[in-house]
Amino acid sequence: TGTRFGDNSGNQASSVSFTGSRFHGSAHFNYAQFPRTTWLDQVTF
């Protein structure tokens, strides 16, 4: 909740990856701020 990922100054290289991750419980990303590139692919919730 409210997590800020990446450099909000506009750095194009900033990214966050959850590729292939597994959540064996609730996942809350309320009000989170993700960067220019976000990988939430192949994730199991």
PDB file of all heavy atoms in Angstrom:
ATOM      1  N   THR A   1       0.829  -1.201   0.000  1.00  0.00           N
ATOM      2  CA  THR A   1       0.000   0.000   0.000  1.00  0.00           C
ATOM      3  C   THR A   1       0.870   1.260   0.000  1.00  0.00           C
ATOM      4  O   THR A   1       1.733   1.434   0.866  1.00  0.00           O
ATOM      5  CB  THR A   1      -0.921   0.017   1.226  1.00  0.00           C
ATOM      6  OG1 THR A   1      -1.763  -1.133   1.204  1.00  0.00           O
ATOM      7  CG2 THR A   1      -1.783   1.283   1.226  1.00  0.00           C
ATOM      8  N   GLY A   2       0.648   2.112  -0.975  1.00  0.00           N
ATOM      9  CA  GLY A   2       1.381   3.372  -1.039  1.00  0.00           C
ATOM     10  C   GLY A   2       2.844   3.243  -1.419  1.00  0.00           C
ATOM     11  O   GLY A   2       3.593   4.232  -1.343  1.00  0.00           O
ATOM     12  N   THR A   3       3.283   2.058  -1.841  1.00  0.00           N
ATOM     13  CA  THR A   3       4.685   1.866  -2.221  1.00  0.00           C
ATOM     14  C   THR A   3       5.009   2.677  -3.472  1.00  0.00           C
ATOM     15  O   THR A   3       4.207   2.766  -4.398  1.00  0.00           O
ATOM     16  CB  THR A   3       4.968   0.376  -2.485  1.00  0.00           C
ATOM     17  OG1 THR A   3       4.614  -0.379  -1.324  1.00  0.00           O
ATOM     18  CG2 THR A   3       6.433   0.160  -2.811  1.00  0.00           C
ATOM     19  N   ARG A   4       6.192   3.261  -3.497  1.00  0.00           N
ATOM     20  CA  ARG A   4       6.642   4.047  -4.652  1.00  0.00           C
ATOM     21  C   ARG A   4       7.812   3.325  -5.293  1.00  0.00           C
ATOM     22  O   ARG A   4       8.882   3.190  -4.697  1.00  0.00           O
ATOM     23  CB  ARG A   4       7.030   5.463  -4.214  1.00  0.00           C
ATOM     24  CG  ARG A   4       5.875   6.223  -3.578  1.00  0.00           C
ATOM     25  CD  ARG A   4       6.247   7.650  -3.209  1.00  0.00           C
ATOM     26  NE  ARG A   4       7.314   7.731  -2.223  1.00  0.00           N
ATOM     27  CZ  ARG A   4       7.161   7.519  -0.922  1.00  0.00           C
ATOM     28  NH1 ARG A   4       5.972   7.189  -0.441  1.00  0.00           N
ATOM     29  NH2 ARG A   4       8.190   7.631  -0.092  1.00  0.00           N
ATOM     30  N   PHE A   5       7.576   2.836  -6.510  1.00  0.00           N
ATOM     31  CA  PHE A   5       8.601   2.103  -7.238  1.00  0.00           C
ATOM     32  C   PHE A   5       9.263   3.013  -8.262  1.00  0.00           C
ATOM     33  O   PHE A   5       8.586   3.682  -9.038  1.00  0.00           O
ATOM     34  CB  PHE A   5       7.996   0.909  -7.985  1.00  0.00           C
ATOM     35  CG  PHE A   5       7.443  -0.164  -7.095  1.00  0.00           C
ATOM     36  CD1 PHE A   5       6.081  -0.238  -6.845  1.00  0.00           C
ATOM     37  CD2 PHE A   5       8.277  -1.101  -6.518  1.00  0.00           C
ATOM     38  CE1 PHE A   5       5.562  -1.242  -6.043  1.00  0.00           C
ATOM     39  CE2 PHE A   5       7.771  -2.106  -5.701  1.00  0.00           C
ATOM     40  CZ  PHE A   5       6.411  -2.171  -5.469  1.00  0.00           C
ATOM     41  N   GLY A   6      10.574   3.009  -8.294  1.00  0.00           N
ATOM     42  CA  GLY A   6      11.284   3.699  -9.359  1.00  0.00           C
ATOM     43  C   GLY A   6      11.556   5.150  -9.060  1.00  0.00           C
ATOM     44  O   GLY A   6      11.060   5.749  -8.101  1.00  0.00           O
ATOM     45  N   ASP A   7      12.364   5.729  -9.920  1.00  0.00           N
ATOM     46  CA  ASP A   7      12.775   7.126  -9.792  1.00  0.00           C
ATOM     47  C   ASP A   7      11.740   8.005 -10.470  1.00  0.00           C
ATOM     48  O   ASP A   7      11.635   8.033 -11.687  1.00  0.00           O
ATOM     49  CB  ASP A   7      14.149   7.315 -10.445  1.00  0.00           C
ATOM     50  CG  ASP A   7      14.669   8.733 -10.285  1.00  0.00           C
ATOM     51  OD1 ASP A   7      13.954   9.559  -9.697  1.00  0.00           O
ATOM     52  OD2 ASP A   7      15.787   8.996 -10.756  1.00  0.00           O
ATOM     53  N   ASN A   8      10.968   8.731  -9.694  1.00  0.00           N
ATOM     54  CA  ASN A   8       9.891   9.547 -10.258  1.00  0.00           C
ATOM     55  C   ASN A   8      10.377  10.821 -10.936  1.00  0.00           C
ATOM     56  O   ASN A   8       9.578  11.650 -11.358  1.00  0.00           O
ATOM     57  CB  ASN A   8       8.871   9.900  -9.165  1.00  0.00           C
ATOM     58  CG  ASN A   8       8.064   8.692  -8.748  1.00  0.00           C
ATOM     59  OD1 ASN A   8       7.797   7.816  -9.560  1.00  0.00           O
ATOM     60  ND2 ASN A   8       7.685   8.637  -7.492  1.00  0.00           N
ATOM     61  N   SER A   9      11.694  10.996 -11.028  1.00  0.00           N
ATOM     62  CA  SER A   9      12.210  12.160 -11.745  1.00  0.00           C
ATOM     63  C   SER A   9      12.114  11.989 -13.249  1.00  0.00           C
ATOM     64  O   SER A   9      12.351  12.918 -14.002  1.00  0.00           O
ATOM     65  CB  SER A   9      13.674  12.395 -11.359  1.00  0.00           C
ATOM     66  OG  SER A   9      14.491  11.335 -11.808  1.00  0.00           O
ATOM     67  N   GLY A  10      11.752  10.781 -13.694  1.00  0.00           N
ATOM     68  CA  GLY A  10      11.592  10.553 -15.123  1.00  0.00           C
ATOM     69  C   GLY A  10      12.650   9.645 -15.715  1.00  0.00           C
ATOM     70  O   GLY A  10      12.763   9.527 -16.927  1.00  0.00           O
ATOM     71  N   ASN A  11      13.428   8.997 -14.878  1.00  0.00           N
ATOM     72  CA  ASN A  11      14.459   8.079 -15.355  1.00  0.00           C
ATOM     73  C   ASN A  11      13.821   6.925 -16.112  1.00  0.00           C
ATOM     74  O   ASN A  11      13.078   6.138 -15.553  1.00  0.00           O
ATOM     75  CB  ASN A  11      15.255   7.551 -14.158  1.00  0.00           C
ATOM     76  CG  ASN A  11      16.306   6.539 -14.562  1.00  0.00           C
ATOM     77  OD1 ASN A  11      16.635   6.405 -15.731  1.00  0.00           O
ATOM     78  ND2 ASN A  11      16.818   5.827 -13.579  1.00  0.00           N
ATOM     79  N   GLN A  12      14.113   6.823 -17.424  1.00  0.00           N
ATOM     80  CA  GLN A  12      13.483   5.804 -18.246  1.00  0.00           C
ATOM     81  C   GLN A  12      13.912   4.395 -17.843  1.00  0.00           C
ATOM     82  O   GLN A  12      13.230   3.427 -18.140  1.00  0.00           O
ATOM     83  CB  GLN A  12      13.804   6.041 -19.719  1.00  0.00           C
ATOM     84  CG  GLN A  12      13.215   7.324 -20.275  1.00  0.00           C
ATOM     85  CD  GLN A  12      13.434   7.432 -21.760  1.00  0.00           C
ATOM     86  OE1 GLN A  12      13.285   6.479 -22.493  1.00  0.00           O
ATOM     87  NE2 GLN A  12      13.788   8.627 -22.207  1.00  0.00           N
ATOM     88  N   ALA A  13      15.064   4.273 -17.204  1.00  0.00           N
ATOM     89  CA  ALA A  13      15.563   2.951 -16.853  1.00  0.00           C
ATOM     90  C   ALA A  13      14.864   2.368 -15.630  1.00  0.00           C
ATOM     91  O   ALA A  13      14.988   1.181 -15.359  1.00  0.00           O
ATOM     92  CB  ALA A  13      17.065   3.014 -16.599  1.00  0.00           C
ATOM     93  N   SER A  14      14.155   3.191 -14.874  1.00  0.00           N
ATOM     94  CA  SER A  14      13.523   2.701 -13.659  1.00  0.00           C
ATOM     95  C   SER A  14      12.452   1.675 -14.005  1.00  0.00           C
ATOM     96  O   SER A  14      11.657   1.870 -14.917  1.00  0.00           O
ATOM     97  CB  SER A  14      12.918   3.854 -12.862  1.00  0.00           C
ATOM     98  OG  SER A  14      11.903   4.489 -13.603  1.00  0.00           O
ATOM     99  N   SER A  15      12.449   0.581 -13.260  1.00  0.00           N
ATOM    100  CA  SER A  15      11.475  -0.466 -13.524  1.00  0.00           C
ATOM    101  C   SER A  15      11.323  -1.315 -12.271  1.00  0.00           C
ATOM    102  O   SER A  15      12.137  -1.250 -11.340  1.00  0.00           O
ATOM    103  CB  SER A  15      11.913  -1.351 -14.699  1.00  0.00           C
ATOM    104  OG  SER A  15      13.106  -2.042 -14.385  1.00  0.00           O
ATOM    105  N   VAL A  16      10.264  -2.120 -12.261  1.00  0.00           N
ATOM    106  CA  VAL A  16      10.069  -3.088 -11.200  1.00  0.00           C
ATOM    107  C   VAL A  16       9.540  -4.357 -11.852  1.00  0.00           C
ATOM    108  O   VAL A  16       8.741  -4.300 -12.784  1.00  0.00           O
ATOM    109  CB  VAL A  16       9.089  -2.574 -10.121  1.00  0.00           C
ATOM    110  CG1 VAL A  16       7.730  -2.238 -10.711  1.00  0.00           C
ATOM    111  CG2 VAL A  16       8.931  -3.609  -9.007  1.00  0.00           C
ATOM    112  N   SER A  17      10.028  -5.502 -11.382  1.00  0.00           N
ATOM    113  CA  SER A  17       9.618  -6.768 -11.977  1.00  0.00           C
ATOM    114  C   SER A  17       9.150  -7.742 -10.914  1.00  0.00           C
ATOM    115  O   SER A  17       9.835  -7.971  -9.914  1.00  0.00           O
ATOM    116  CB  SER A  17      10.782  -7.388 -12.765  1.00  0.00           C
ATOM    117  OG  SER A  17      10.407  -8.660 -13.268  1.00  0.00           O
ATOM    118  N   PHE A  18       7.952  -8.301 -11.139  1.00  0.00           N
ATOM    119  CA  PHE A  18       7.403  -9.377 -10.323  1.00  0.00           C
ATOM    120  C   PHE A  18       7.238 -10.641 -11.172  1.00  0.00           C
ATOM    121  O   PHE A  18       6.473 -11.543 -10.807  1.00  0.00           O
ATOM    122  CB  PHE A  18       6.045  -8.981  -9.745  1.00  0.00           C
ATOM    123  CG  PHE A  18       6.102  -7.975  -8.622  1.00  0.00           C
ATOM    124  CD1 PHE A  18       6.196  -6.628  -8.896  1.00  0.00           C
ATOM    125  CD2 PHE A  18       6.061  -8.387  -7.302  1.00  0.00           C
ATOM    126  CE1 PHE A  18       6.237  -5.683  -7.877  1.00  0.00           C
ATOM    127  CE2 PHE A  18       6.107  -7.453  -6.263  1.00  0.00           C
ATOM    128  CZ  PHE A  18       6.198  -6.104  -6.552  1.00  0.00           C
ATOM    129  N   THR A  19       7.907 -10.710 -12.299  1.00  0.00           N
ATOM    130  CA  THR A  19       7.745 -11.823 -13.226  1.00  0.00           C
ATOM    131  C   THR A  19       7.901 -13.170 -12.515  1.00  0.00           C
ATOM    132  O   THR A  19       8.896 -13.411 -11.828  1.00  0.00           O
ATOM    133  CB  THR A  19       8.771 -11.736 -14.367  1.00  0.00           C
ATOM    134  OG1 THR A  19       8.572 -10.527 -15.090  1.00  0.00           O
ATOM    135  CG2 THR A  19       8.639 -12.920 -15.315  1.00  0.00           C
ATOM    136  N   GLY A  20       6.893 -14.031 -12.692  1.00  0.00           N
ATOM    137  CA  GLY A  20       6.970 -15.379 -12.149  1.00  0.00           C
ATOM    138  C   GLY A  20       6.789 -15.492 -10.652  1.00  0.00           C
ATOM    139  O   GLY A  20       6.959 -16.583 -10.088  1.00  0.00           O
ATOM    140  N   SER A  21       6.442 -14.410  -9.979  1.00  0.00           N
ATOM    141  CA  SER A  21       6.275 -14.476  -8.521  1.00  0.00           C
ATOM    142  C   SER A  21       4.957 -15.170  -8.158  1.00  0.00           C
ATOM    143  O   SER A  21       4.053 -15.310  -8.985  1.00  0.00           O
ATOM    144  CB  SER A  21       6.321 -13.073  -7.916  1.00  0.00           C
ATOM    145  OG  SER A  21       5.311 -12.249  -8.462  1.00  0.00           O
ATOM    146  N   ARG A  22       4.877 -15.624  -6.905  1.00  0.00           N
ATOM    147  CA  ARG A  22       3.689 -16.323  -6.402  1.00  0.00           C
ATOM    148  C   ARG A  22       3.237 -15.658  -5.106  1.00  0.00           C
ATOM    149  O   ARG A  22       4.038 -15.438  -4.193  1.00  0.00           O
ATOM    150  CB  ARG A  22       3.992 -17.794  -6.131  1.00  0.00           C
ATOM    151  CG  ARG A  22       4.500 -18.581  -7.338  1.00  0.00           C
ATOM    152  CD  ARG A  22       3.381 -18.839  -8.342  1.00  0.00           C
ATOM    153  NE  ARG A  22       3.832 -19.679  -9.425  1.00  0.00           N
ATOM    154  CZ  ARG A  22       4.382 -19.215 -10.551  1.00  0.00           C
ATOM    155  NH1 ARG A  22       4.574 -17.911 -10.717  1.00  0.00           N
ATOM    156  NH2 ARG A  22       4.751 -20.051 -11.507  1.00  0.00           N
ATOM    157  N   PHE A  23       1.939 -15.370  -5.031  1.00  0.00           N
ATOM    158  CA  PHE A  23       1.369 -14.784  -3.813  1.00  0.00           C
ATOM    159  C   PHE A  23       0.465 -15.832  -3.165  1.00  0.00           C
ATOM    160  O   PHE A  23      -0.615 -16.129  -3.670  1.00  0.00           O
ATOM    161  CB  PHE A  23       0.570 -13.518  -4.140  1.00  0.00           C
ATOM    162  CG  PHE A  23       1.419 -12.345  -4.548  1.00  0.00           C
ATOM    163  CD1 PHE A  23       1.820 -12.182  -5.864  1.00  0.00           C
ATOM    164  CD2 PHE A  23       1.819 -11.397  -3.616  1.00  0.00           C
ATOM    165  CE1 PHE A  23       2.600 -11.091  -6.249  1.00  0.00           C
ATOM    166  CE2 PHE A  23       2.598 -10.313  -3.980  1.00  0.00           C
ATOM    167  CZ  PHE A  23       2.992 -10.167  -5.306  1.00  0.00           C
ATOM    168  N   HIS A  24       0.915 -16.411  -2.049  1.00  0.00           N
ATOM    169  CA  HIS A  24       0.118 -17.384  -1.294  1.00  0.00           C
ATOM    170  C   HIS A  24      -0.611 -16.666  -0.171  1.00  0.00           C
ATOM    171  O   HIS A  24      -0.603 -17.110   0.986  1.00  0.00           O
ATOM    172  CB  HIS A  24       1.028 -18.482  -0.749  1.00  0.00           C
ATOM    173  CG  HIS A  24       1.633 -19.351  -1.802  1.00  0.00           C
ATOM    174  ND1 HIS A  24       0.961 -20.403  -2.391  1.00  0.00           N
ATOM    175  CD2 HIS A  24       2.852 -19.319  -2.398  1.00  0.00           C
ATOM    176  CE1 HIS A  24       1.735 -20.991  -3.281  1.00  0.00           C
ATOM    177  NE2 HIS A  24       2.894 -20.351  -3.315  1.00  0.00           N
ATOM    178  N   GLY A  25      -1.214 -15.584  -0.483  1.00  0.00           N
ATOM    179  CA  GLY A  25      -1.948 -14.763   0.463  1.00  0.00           C
ATOM    180  C   GLY A  25      -2.398 -13.511  -0.264  1.00  0.00           C
ATOM    181  O   GLY A  25      -2.120 -13.330  -1.452  1.00  0.00           O
ATOM    182  N   SER A  26      -3.098 -12.657   0.417  1.00  0.00           N
ATOM    183  CA  SER A  26      -3.614 -11.447  -0.230  1.00  0.00           C
ATOM    184  C   SER A  26      -2.465 -10.512  -0.613  1.00  0.00           C
ATOM    185  O   SER A  26      -1.446 -10.436   0.069  1.00  0.00           O
ATOM    186  CB  SER A  26      -4.595 -10.721   0.692  1.00  0.00           C
ATOM    187  OG  SER A  26      -3.964 -10.350   1.908  1.00  0.00           O
ATOM    188  N   ALA A  27      -2.651  -9.823  -1.729  1.00  0.00           N
ATOM    189  CA  ALA A  27      -1.657  -8.864  -2.219  1.00  0.00           C
ATOM    190  C   ALA A  27      -2.341  -7.514  -2.356  1.00  0.00           C
ATOM    191  O   ALA A  27      -3.322  -7.374  -3.098  1.00  0.00           O
ATOM    192  CB  ALA A  27      -1.090  -9.316  -3.559  1.00  0.00           C
ATOM    193  N   HIS A  28      -1.840  -6.529  -1.645  1.00  0.00           N
ATOM    194  CA  HIS A  28      -2.446  -5.192  -1.644  1.00  0.00           C
ATOM    195  C   HIS A  28      -1.462  -4.177  -2.236  1.00  0.00           C
ATOM    196  O   HIS A  28      -0.402  -3.929  -1.670  1.00  0.00           O
ATOM    197  CB  HIS A  28      -2.843  -4.783  -0.227  1.00  0.00           C
ATOM    198  CG  HIS A  28      -3.929  -5.637   0.355  1.00  0.00           C
ATOM    199  ND1 HIS A  28      -5.267  -5.321   0.253  1.00  0.00           N
ATOM    200  CD2 HIS A  28      -3.868  -6.812   1.023  1.00  0.00           C
ATOM    201  CE1 HIS A  28      -5.994  -6.264   0.843  1.00  0.00           C
ATOM    202  NE2 HIS A  28      -5.166  -7.178   1.311  1.00  0.00           N
ATOM    203  N   PHE A  29      -1.861  -3.613  -3.382  1.00  0.00           N
ATOM    204  CA  PHE A  29      -1.063  -2.580  -4.037  1.00  0.00           C
ATOM    205  C   PHE A  29      -1.866  -1.271  -4.103  1.00  0.00           C
ATOM    206  O   PHE A  29      -1.718  -0.495  -5.032  1.00  0.00           O
ATOM    207  CB  PHE A  29      -0.675  -3.020  -5.449  1.00  0.00           C
ATOM    208  CG  PHE A  29       0.324  -4.148  -5.495  1.00  0.00           C
ATOM    209  CD1 PHE A  29      -0.108  -5.469  -5.485  1.00  0.00           C
ATOM    210  CD2 PHE A  29       1.681  -3.888  -5.543  1.00  0.00           C
ATOM    211  CE1 PHE A  29       0.801  -6.518  -5.530  1.00  0.00           C
ATOM    212  CE2 PHE A  29       2.605  -4.929  -5.594  1.00  0.00           C
ATOM    213  CZ  PHE A  29       2.161  -6.245  -5.583  1.00  0.00           C
ATOM    214  N   ASN A  30      -2.725  -1.053  -3.123  1.00  0.00           N
ATOM    215  CA  ASN A  30      -3.545   0.157  -3.101  1.00  0.00           C
ATOM    216  C   ASN A  30      -2.657   1.401  -3.119  1.00  0.00           C
ATOM    217  O   ASN A  30      -1.699   1.497  -2.346  1.00  0.00           O
ATOM    218  CB  ASN A  30      -4.416   0.205  -1.842  1.00  0.00           C
ATOM    219  CG  ASN A  30      -5.120  -1.109  -1.581  1.00  0.00           C
ATOM    220  OD1 ASN A  30      -4.498  -2.150  -1.502  1.00  0.00           O
ATOM    221  ND2 ASN A  30      -6.421  -1.051  -1.428  1.00  0.00           N
ATOM    222  N   TYR A  31      -2.969   2.327  -4.004  1.00  0.00           N
ATOM    223  CA  TYR A  31      -2.283   3.625  -4.088  1.00  0.00           C
ATOM    224  C   TYR A  31      -0.787   3.490  -4.404  1.00  0.00           C
ATOM    225  O   TYR A  31      -0.038   4.459  -4.244  1.00  0.00           O
ATOM    226  CB  TYR A  31      -2.464   4.426  -2.795  1.00  0.00           C
ATOM    227  CG  TYR A  31      -3.907   4.558  -2.375  1.00  0.00           C
ATOM    228  CD1 TYR A  31      -4.452   3.741  -1.390  1.00  0.00           C
ATOM    229  CD2 TYR A  31      -4.746   5.482  -3.002  1.00  0.00           C
ATOM    230  CE1 TYR A  31      -5.785   3.844  -1.027  1.00  0.00           C
ATOM    231  CE2 TYR A  31      -6.089   5.592  -2.641  1.00  0.00           C
ATOM    232  CZ  TYR A  31      -6.596   4.771  -1.651  1.00  0.00           C
ATOM    233  OH  TYR A  31      -7.911   4.867  -1.305  1.00  0.00           O
ATOM    234  N   ALA A  32      -0.356   2.331  -4.844  1.00  0.00           N
ATOM    235  CA  ALA A  32       1.055   2.161  -5.208  1.00  0.00           C
ATOM    236  C   ALA A  32       1.357   2.958  -6.472  1.00  0.00           C
ATOM    237  O   ALA A  32       0.497   3.152  -7.334  1.00  0.00           O
ATOM    238  CB  ALA A  32       1.376   0.689  -5.427  1.00  0.00           C
ATOM    239  N   GLN A  33       2.596   3.418  -6.581  1.00  0.00           N
ATOM    240  CA  GLN A  33       3.038   4.179  -7.751  1.00  0.00           C
ATOM    241  C   GLN A  33       4.118   3.374  -8.459  1.00  0.00           C
ATOM    242  O   GLN A  33       5.202   3.151  -7.918  1.00  0.00           O
ATOM    243  CB  GLN A  33       3.572   5.546  -7.327  1.00  0.00           C
ATOM    244  CG  GLN A  33       2.521   6.429  -6.686  1.00  0.00           C
ATOM    245  CD  GLN A  33       3.098   7.730  -6.161  1.00  0.00           C
ATOM    246  OE1 GLN A  33       4.272   8.021  -6.345  1.00  0.00           O
ATOM    247  NE2 GLN A  33       2.263   8.513  -5.495  1.00  0.00           N
ATOM    248  N   PHE A  34       3.779   2.928  -9.666  1.00  0.00           N
ATOM    249  CA  PHE A  34       4.695   2.094 -10.437  1.00  0.00           C
ATOM    250  C   PHE A  34       5.452   2.937 -11.458  1.00  0.00           C
ATOM    251  O   PHE A  34       4.948   3.962 -11.930  1.00  0.00           O
ATOM    252  CB  PHE A  34       3.918   0.985 -11.153  1.00  0.00           C
ATOM    253  CG  PHE A  34       3.304  -0.018 -10.222  1.00  0.00           C
ATOM    254  CD1 PHE A  34       2.001   0.151  -9.751  1.00  0.00           C
ATOM    255  CD2 PHE A  34       4.023  -1.125  -9.799  1.00  0.00           C
ATOM    256  CE1 PHE A  34       1.430  -0.774  -8.891  1.00  0.00           C
ATOM    257  CE2 PHE A  34       3.460  -2.050  -8.936  1.00  0.00           C
ATOM    258  CZ  PHE A  34       2.168  -1.870  -8.483  1.00  0.00           C
ATOM    259  N   PRO A  35       6.648   2.505 -11.847  1.00  0.00           N
ATOM    260  CA  PRO A  35       7.478   3.301 -12.761  1.00  0.00           C
ATOM    261  C   PRO A  35       7.057   3.128 -14.217  1.00  0.00           C
ATOM    262  O   PRO A  35       5.994   2.568 -14.520  1.00  0.00           O
ATOM    263  CB  PRO A  35       8.874   2.735 -12.522  1.00  0.00           C
ATOM    264  CG  PRO A  35       8.626   1.309 -12.169  1.00  0.00           C
ATOM    265  CD  PRO A  35       7.344   1.299 -11.379  1.00  0.00           C
ATOM    266  N   ARG A  36       7.909   3.616 -15.102  1.00  0.00           N
ATOM    267  CA  ARG A  36       7.608   3.575 -16.530  1.00  0.00           C
ATOM    268  C   ARG A  36       7.372   2.152 -17.025  1.00  0.00           C
ATOM    269  O   ARG A  36       6.531   1.911 -17.893  1.00  0.00           O
ATOM    270  CB  ARG A  36       8.750   4.225 -17.309  1.00  0.00           C
ATOM    271  CG  ARG A  36       8.506   4.361 -18.798  1.00  0.00           C
ATOM    272  CD  ARG A  36       9.707   4.993 -19.471  1.00  0.00           C
ATOM    273  NE  ARG A  36       9.931   6.346 -18.970  1.00  0.00           N
ATOM    274  CZ  ARG A  36       9.351   7.417 -19.464  1.00  0.00           C
ATOM    275  NH1 ARG A  36       8.510   7.312 -20.462  1.00  0.00           N
ATOM    276  NH2 ARG A  36       9.609   8.611 -18.959  1.00  0.00           N
ATOM    277  N   THR A  37       8.136   1.195 -16.505  1.00  0.00           N
ATOM    278  CA  THR A  37       7.979  -0.196 -16.927  1.00  0.00           C
ATOM    279  C   THR A  37       7.742  -1.073 -15.706  1.00  0.00           C
ATOM    280  O   THR A  37       8.534  -1.062 -14.760  1.00  0.00           O
ATOM    281  CB  THR A  37       9.228  -0.687 -17.675  1.00  0.00           C
ATOM    282  OG1 THR A  37       9.465   0.150 -18.808  1.00  0.00           O
ATOM    283  CG2 THR A  37       9.028  -2.124 -18.150  1.00  0.00           C
ATOM    284  N   THR A  38       6.644  -1.823 -15.736  1.00  0.00           N
ATOM    285  CA  THR A  38       6.281  -2.710 -14.641  1.00  0.00           C
ATOM    286  C   THR A  38       5.995  -4.092 -15.205  1.00  0.00           C
ATOM    287  O   THR A  38       5.187  -4.239 -16.125  1.00  0.00           O
ATOM    288  CB  THR A  38       5.029  -2.196 -13.899  1.00  0.00           C
ATOM    289  OG1 THR A  38       5.295  -0.888 -13.371  1.00  0.00           O
ATOM    290  CG2 THR A  38       4.648  -3.128 -12.771  1.00  0.00           C
ATOM    291  N   TRP A  39       6.655  -5.095 -14.645  1.00  0.00           N
ATOM    292  CA  TRP A  39       6.450  -6.475 -15.059  1.00  0.00           C
ATOM    293  C   TRP A  39       5.684  -7.207 -13.966  1.00  0.00           C
ATOM    294  O   TRP A  39       6.227  -7.474 -12.899  1.00  0.00           O
ATOM    295  CB  TRP A  39       7.787  -7.162 -15.311  1.00  0.00           C
ATOM    296  CG  TRP A  39       8.631  -6.512 -16.365  1.00  0.00           C
ATOM    297  CD1 TRP A  39       9.498  -5.478 -16.205  1.00  0.00           C
ATOM    298  CD2 TRP A  39       8.672  -6.856 -17.761  1.00  0.00           C
ATOM    299  NE1 TRP A  39      10.078  -5.141 -17.404  1.00  0.00           N
ATOM    300  CE2 TRP A  39       9.601  -5.971 -18.388  1.00  0.00           C
ATOM    301  CE3 TRP A  39       8.037  -7.817 -18.549  1.00  0.00           C
ATOM    302  CZ2 TRP A  39       9.884  -6.026 -19.742  1.00  0.00           C
ATOM    303  CZ3 TRP A  39       8.321  -7.880 -19.897  1.00  0.00           C
ATOM    304  CH2 TRP A  39       9.234  -6.994 -20.481  1.00  0.00           C
ATOM    305  N   LEU A  40       4.432  -7.500 -14.228  1.00  0.00           N
ATOM    306  CA  LEU A  40       3.615  -8.334 -13.349  1.00  0.00           C
ATOM    307  C   LEU A  40       3.107  -9.531 -14.155  1.00  0.00           C
ATOM    308  O   LEU A  40       1.990 -10.002 -13.952  1.00  0.00           O
ATOM    309  CB  LEU A  40       2.463  -7.529 -12.760  1.00  0.00           C
ATOM    310  CG  LEU A  40       2.818  -6.666 -11.538  1.00  0.00           C
ATOM    311  CD1 LEU A  40       1.910  -5.460 -11.427  1.00  0.00           C
ATOM    312  CD2 LEU A  40       2.764  -7.494 -10.264  1.00  0.00           C
ATOM    313  N   ASP A  41       3.945  -9.996 -15.069  1.00  0.00           N
ATOM    314  CA  ASP A  41       3.560 -11.086 -15.956  1.00  0.00           C
ATOM    315  C   ASP A  41       3.890 -12.441 -15.328  1.00  0.00           C
ATOM    316  O   ASP A  41       4.809 -12.561 -14.524  1.00  0.00           O
ATOM    317  CB  ASP A  41       4.273 -10.951 -17.305  1.00  0.00           C
ATOM    318  CG  ASP A  41       5.790 -10.913 -17.156  1.00  0.00           C
ATOM    319  OD1 ASP A  41       6.278 -10.164 -16.283  1.00  0.00           O
ATOM    320  OD2 ASP A  41       6.478 -11.640 -17.900  1.00  0.00           O
ATOM    321  N   GLN A  42       3.092 -13.451 -15.697  1.00  0.00           N
ATOM    322  CA  GLN A  42       3.282 -14.821 -15.216  1.00  0.00           C
ATOM    323  C   GLN A  42       3.246 -14.905 -13.693  1.00  0.00           C
ATOM    324  O   GLN A  42       3.884 -15.764 -13.092  1.00  0.00           O
ATOM    325  CB  GLN A  42       4.601 -15.395 -15.750  1.00  0.00           C
ATOM    326  CG  GLN A  42       4.704 -15.370 -17.269  1.00  0.00           C
ATOM    327  CD  GLN A  42       6.034 -15.880 -17.764  1.00  0.00           C
ATOM    328  OE1 GLN A  42       6.384 -17.026 -17.520  1.00  0.00           O
ATOM    329  NE2 GLN A  42       6.778 -15.035 -18.469  1.00  0.00           N
ATOM    330  N   VAL A  43       2.516 -13.999 -13.084  1.00  0.00           N
ATOM    331  CA  VAL A  43       2.362 -13.976 -11.628  1.00  0.00           C
ATOM    332  C   VAL A  43       1.125 -14.787 -11.254  1.00  0.00           C
ATOM    333  O   VAL A  43       0.115 -14.757 -11.963  1.00  0.00           O
ATOM    334  CB  VAL A  43       2.230 -12.531 -11.114  1.00  0.00           C
ATOM    335  CG1 VAL A  43       1.988 -12.518  -9.608  1.00  0.00           C
ATOM    336  CG2 VAL A  43       3.469 -11.730 -11.470  1.00  0.00           C
ATOM    337  N   THR A  44       1.203 -15.508 -10.155  1.00  0.00           N
ATOM    338  CA  THR A  44       0.043 -16.241  -9.648  1.00  0.00           C
ATOM    339  C   THR A  44      -0.434 -15.603  -8.351  1.00  0.00           C
ATOM    340  O   THR A  44       0.321 -15.547  -7.362  1.00  0.00           O
ATOM    341  CB  THR A  44       0.380 -17.719  -9.389  1.00  0.00           C
ATOM    342  OG1 THR A  44       0.811 -18.329 -10.607  1.00  0.00           O
ATOM    343  CG2 THR A  44      -0.847 -18.462  -8.873  1.00  0.00           C
ATOM    344  N   PHE A  45      -1.650 -15.091  -8.371  1.00  0.00           N
ATOM    345  CA  PHE A  45      -2.280 -14.521  -7.176  1.00  0.00           C
ATOM    346  C   PHE A  45      -3.259 -15.568  -6.651  1.00  0.00           C
ATOM    347  O   PHE A  45      -4.336 -15.759  -7.219  1.00  0.00           O
ATOM    348  CB  PHE A  45      -3.021 -13.224  -7.505  1.00  0.00           C
ATOM    349  CG  PHE A  45      -2.134 -12.106  -7.994  1.00  0.00           C
ATOM    350  CD1 PHE A  45      -1.916 -11.912  -9.356  1.00  0.00           C
ATOM    351  CD2 PHE A  45      -1.527 -11.245  -7.099  1.00  0.00           C
ATOM    352  CE1 PHE A  45      -1.117 -10.882  -9.810  1.00  0.00           C
ATOM    353  CE2 PHE A  45      -0.714 -10.206  -7.545  1.00  0.00           C
ATOM    354  CZ  PHE A  45      -0.512 -10.029  -8.902  1.00  0.00           C
TER     355      PHE A  45
END
